[in-house]
Amino acid sequence: MSYIADYTNSYDIRGHEIVITAPARFDEKTGKVMADLELDDYAAKLALEKYRKQFDIVSPKDIKNLRHHWDFSQAKLAEVLGWNVATVAIYEAGGLPSVSDNRLLKILISSPKVMQKFIDDSKKEEL
């Protein structure tokens, strides 16, 4: 038998300790935390969200919104940025962008003129 209760845990994300409290499954007999894929994934997601907020990292939703604003597929955004399509897919699935990729994404999200310049330049490179 088991029960669910809040549990405070720390996660090491890129060398930074991120402490969160989230529901976890406990063994009724021992009182120890048990593995629970759904709850463990939820806690890890909360830790990543806290890290993103603390260090101003773009979210998967931010990247998807950027793509949708420009009516781009993942492949088209990758082409415009000079990235591999897998990179865009990983970031949209929750992977943390590199420092330089995050910086670029923040600029492109906040400045449509810069994004348009990237689009225009990518068309020139096709020639």
C-alpha atoms as a PDB file:
ATOM      1  CA  MET A   1       0.000   0.000   0.000  1.00  0.00           C
ATOM      2  CA  SER A   2       1.073   3.554  -0.593  1.00  0.00           C
ATOM      3  CA  TYR A   3      -0.073   7.114  -0.179  1.00  0.00           C
ATOM      4  CA  ILE A   4       0.635  10.449  -1.832  1.00  0.00           C
ATOM      5  CA  ALA A   5       1.924  13.472   0.073  1.00  0.00           C
ATOM      6  CA  ASP A   6       4.004  16.563  -0.640  1.00  0.00           C
ATOM      7  CA  TYR A   7       7.736  15.986  -0.754  1.00  0.00           C
ATOM      8  CA  THR A   8      10.523  18.544  -0.992  1.00  0.00           C
ATOM      9  CA  ASN A   9      13.383  17.530  -3.211  1.00  0.00           C
ATOM     10  CA  SER A  10      16.287  19.241  -4.940  1.00  0.00           C
ATOM     11  CA  TYR A  11      17.352  18.903  -8.554  1.00  0.00           C
ATOM     12  CA  ASP A  12      20.732  19.763 -10.009  1.00  0.00           C
ATOM     13  CA  ILE A  13      20.071  21.610 -13.257  1.00  0.00           C
ATOM     14  CA  ARG A  14      23.178  22.859 -15.022  1.00  0.00           C
ATOM     15  CA  GLY A  15      25.037  23.075 -11.742  1.00  0.00           C
ATOM     16  CA  HIS A  16      22.283  24.955  -9.906  1.00  0.00           C
ATOM     17  CA  GLU A  17      20.299  23.437  -7.062  1.00  0.00           C
ATOM     18  CA  ILE A  18      16.582  23.845  -7.665  1.00  0.00           C
ATOM     19  CA  VAL A  19      14.380  22.954  -4.694  1.00  0.00           C
ATOM     20  CA  ILE A  20      10.717  22.171  -5.250  1.00  0.00           C
ATOM     21  CA  THR A  21       7.858  20.652  -3.293  1.00  0.00           C
ATOM     22  CA  ALA A  22       5.571  18.352  -5.237  1.00  0.00           C
ATOM     23  CA  PRO A  23       3.364  15.313  -4.641  1.00  0.00           C
ATOM     24  CA  ALA A  24       5.237  12.033  -4.290  1.00  0.00           C
ATOM     25  CA  ARG A  25       4.262   8.443  -3.576  1.00  0.00           C
ATOM     26  CA  PHE A  26       5.301   6.983  -0.218  1.00  0.00           C
ATOM     27  CA  ASP A  27       5.425   3.389   0.971  1.00  0.00           C
ATOM     28  CA  GLU A  28       2.867   3.054   3.765  1.00  0.00           C
ATOM     29  CA  LYS A  29       5.020   0.623   5.798  1.00  0.00           C
ATOM     30  CA  THR A  30       8.400   2.365   5.568  1.00  0.00           C
ATOM     31  CA  GLY A  31       7.354   5.958   4.916  1.00  0.00           C
ATOM     32  CA  LYS A  32      10.002   6.116   2.176  1.00  0.00           C
ATOM     33  CA  VAL A  33       9.489   7.697  -1.221  1.00  0.00           C
ATOM     34  CA  MET A  34       8.609   5.210  -3.944  1.00  0.00           C
ATOM     35  CA  ALA A  35       9.084   5.540  -7.681  1.00  0.00           C
ATOM     36  CA  ASP A  36       5.997   6.814  -9.491  1.00  0.00           C
ATOM     37  CA  LEU A  37       6.661   7.737 -13.103  1.00  0.00           C
ATOM     38  CA  GLU A  38       3.790  10.219 -13.389  1.00  0.00           C
ATOM     39  CA  LEU A  39       4.496  12.032 -10.117  1.00  0.00           C
ATOM     40  CA  ASP A  40       8.264  11.958 -10.658  1.00  0.00           C
ATOM     41  CA  ASP A  41       7.862  13.444 -14.141  1.00  0.00           C
ATOM     42  CA  TYR A  42       5.580  16.144 -12.757  1.00  0.00           C
ATOM     43  CA  ALA A  43       8.151  17.073 -10.082  1.00  0.00           C
ATOM     44  CA  ALA A  44      10.939  17.232 -12.670  1.00  0.00           C
ATOM     45  CA  LYS A  45       8.748  19.445 -14.858  1.00  0.00           C
ATOM     46  CA  LEU A  46       8.156  21.808 -11.911  1.00  0.00           C
ATOM     47  CA  ALA A  47      11.907  21.970 -11.300  1.00  0.00           C
ATOM     48  CA  LEU A  48      12.566  22.846 -14.942  1.00  0.00           C
ATOM     49  CA  GLU A  49       9.850  25.524 -14.869  1.00  0.00           C
ATOM     50  CA  LYS A  50      11.390  27.051 -11.740  1.00  0.00           C
ATOM     51  CA  TYR A  51      14.836  26.991 -13.357  1.00  0.00           C
ATOM     52  CA  ARG A  52      13.457  28.625 -16.521  1.00  0.00           C
ATOM     53  CA  LYS A  53      11.881  31.436 -14.493  1.00  0.00           C
ATOM     54  CA  GLN A  54      14.929  31.924 -12.281  1.00  0.00           C
ATOM     55  CA  PHE A  55      17.344  32.171 -15.226  1.00  0.00           C
ATOM     56  CA  ASP A  56      15.012  33.671 -17.866  1.00  0.00           C
ATOM     57  CA  ILE A  57      15.054  30.649 -20.185  1.00  0.00           C
ATOM     58  CA  VAL A  58      12.509  30.531 -23.007  1.00  0.00           C
ATOM     59  CA  SER A  59       9.825  27.896 -22.621  1.00  0.00           C
ATOM     60  CA  PRO A  60       8.641  25.325 -25.143  1.00  0.00           C
ATOM     61  CA  LYS A  61       5.441  27.371 -25.399  1.00  0.00           C
ATOM     62  CA  ASP A  62       7.445  30.509 -26.243  1.00  0.00           C
ATOM     63  CA  ILE A  63       9.156  28.700 -29.115  1.00  0.00           C
ATOM     64  CA  LYS A  64       5.890  27.228 -30.385  1.00  0.00           C
ATOM     65  CA  ASN A  65       4.293  30.683 -30.238  1.00  0.00           C
ATOM     66  CA  LEU A  66       7.188  32.118 -32.245  1.00  0.00           C
ATOM     67  CA  ARG A  67       6.736  29.429 -34.892  1.00  0.00           C
ATOM     68  CA  HIS A  68       2.984  29.877 -35.045  1.00  0.00           C
ATOM     69  CA  HIS A  69       3.276  33.659 -35.253  1.00  0.00           C
ATOM     70  CA  TRP A  70       5.382  33.261 -38.390  1.00  0.00           C
ATOM     71  CA  ASP A  71       3.389  30.224 -39.587  1.00  0.00           C
ATOM     72  CA  PHE A  72       6.523  28.065 -39.580  1.00  0.00           C
ATOM     73  CA  SER A  73       6.954  24.344 -39.235  1.00  0.00           C
ATOM     74  CA  GLN A  74       9.765  23.130 -37.010  1.00  0.00           C
ATOM     75  CA  ALA A  75      11.790  22.491 -40.169  1.00  0.00           C
ATOM     76  CA  LYS A  76      11.240  26.037 -41.461  1.00  0.00           C
ATOM     77  CA  LEU A  77      12.257  27.639 -38.151  1.00  0.00           C
ATOM     78  CA  ALA A  78      15.365  25.434 -38.077  1.00  0.00           C
ATOM     79  CA  GLU A  79      16.199  26.493 -41.632  1.00  0.00           C
ATOM     80  CA  VAL A  80      15.781  30.203 -40.848  1.00  0.00           C
ATOM     81  CA  LEU A  81      17.982  29.915 -37.748  1.00  0.00           C
ATOM     82  CA  GLY A  82      20.561  27.635 -39.333  1.00  0.00           C
ATOM     83  CA  TRP A  83      19.802  24.903 -36.803  1.00  0.00           C
ATOM     84  CA  ASN A  84      19.072  21.210 -37.125  1.00  0.00           C
ATOM     85  CA  VAL A  85      15.330  20.478 -36.991  1.00  0.00           C
ATOM     86  CA  ALA A  86      16.030  18.096 -34.089  1.00  0.00           C
ATOM     87  CA  THR A  87      17.238  21.072 -32.043  1.00  0.00           C
ATOM     88  CA  VAL A  88      13.912  22.857 -32.464  1.00  0.00           C
ATOM     89  CA  ALA A  89      12.017  19.640 -31.655  1.00  0.00           C
ATOM     90  CA  ILE A  90      14.081  19.057 -28.500  1.00  0.00           C
ATOM     91  CA  TYR A  91      13.518  22.616 -27.266  1.00  0.00           C
ATOM     92  CA  GLU A  92       9.782  22.377 -27.965  1.00  0.00           C
ATOM     93  CA  ALA A  93       9.618  19.055 -26.105  1.00  0.00           C
ATOM     94  CA  GLY A  94      11.090  20.690 -22.988  1.00  0.00           C
ATOM     95  CA  GLY A  95      14.842  20.516 -23.497  1.00  0.00           C
ATOM     96  CA  LEU A  96      16.769  23.498 -22.206  1.00  0.00           C
ATOM     97  CA  PRO A  97      18.323  25.624 -24.934  1.00  0.00           C
ATOM     98  CA  SER A  98      22.021  26.402 -24.796  1.00  0.00           C
ATOM     99  CA  VAL A  99      22.910  29.838 -23.438  1.00  0.00           C
ATOM    100  CA  SER A 100      23.523  31.216 -26.932  1.00  0.00           C
ATOM    101  CA  ASP A 101      20.375  29.641 -28.407  1.00  0.00           C
ATOM    102  CA  ASN A 102      18.321  31.013 -25.507  1.00  0.00           C
ATOM    103  CA  ARG A 103      19.767  34.477 -26.046  1.00  0.00           C
ATOM    104  CA  LEU A 104      18.928  34.342 -29.753  1.00  0.00           C
ATOM    105  CA  LEU A 105      15.400  33.061 -29.149  1.00  0.00           C
ATOM    106  CA  LYS A 106      14.701  35.828 -26.625  1.00  0.00           C
ATOM    107  CA  ILE A 107      15.823  38.448 -29.153  1.00  0.00           C
ATOM    108  CA  LEU A 108      13.741  36.950 -31.959  1.00  0.00           C
ATOM    109  CA  ILE A 109      10.657  36.644 -29.755  1.00  0.00           C
ATOM    110  CA  SER A 110      10.896  40.260 -28.607  1.00  0.00           C
ATOM    111  CA  SER A 111      11.870  41.795 -31.944  1.00  0.00           C
ATOM    112  CA  PRO A 112       9.841  40.946 -35.060  1.00  0.00           C
ATOM    113  CA  LYS A 113      12.152  43.186 -37.125  1.00  0.00           C
ATOM    114  CA  VAL A 114      15.160  41.049 -36.218  1.00  0.00           C
ATOM    115  CA  MET A 115      13.199  37.895 -36.971  1.00  0.00           C
ATOM    116  CA  GLN A 116      12.225  39.309 -40.358  1.00  0.00           C
ATOM    117  CA  LYS A 117      15.913  40.011 -41.047  1.00  0.00           C
ATOM    118  CA  PHE A 118      16.720  36.357 -40.278  1.00  0.00           C
ATOM    119  CA  ILE A 119      13.954  35.269 -42.659  1.00  0.00           C
ATOM    120  CA  ASP A 120      15.177  37.593 -45.399  1.00  0.00           C
ATOM    121  CA  ASP A 121      18.793  36.474 -44.939  1.00  0.00           C
ATOM    122  CA  SER A 122      17.797  32.803 -45.046  1.00  0.00           C
ATOM    123  CA  LYS A 123      16.098  33.390 -48.419  1.00  0.00           C
ATOM    124  CA  LYS A 124      19.304  34.948 -49.790  1.00  0.00           C
ATOM    125  CA  GLU A 125      21.290  31.904 -48.675  1.00  0.00           C
ATOM    126  CA  GLU A 126      18.959  29.655 -50.697  1.00  0.00           C
ATOM    127  CA  LEU A 127      20.054  31.345 -53.948  1.00  0.00           C
END
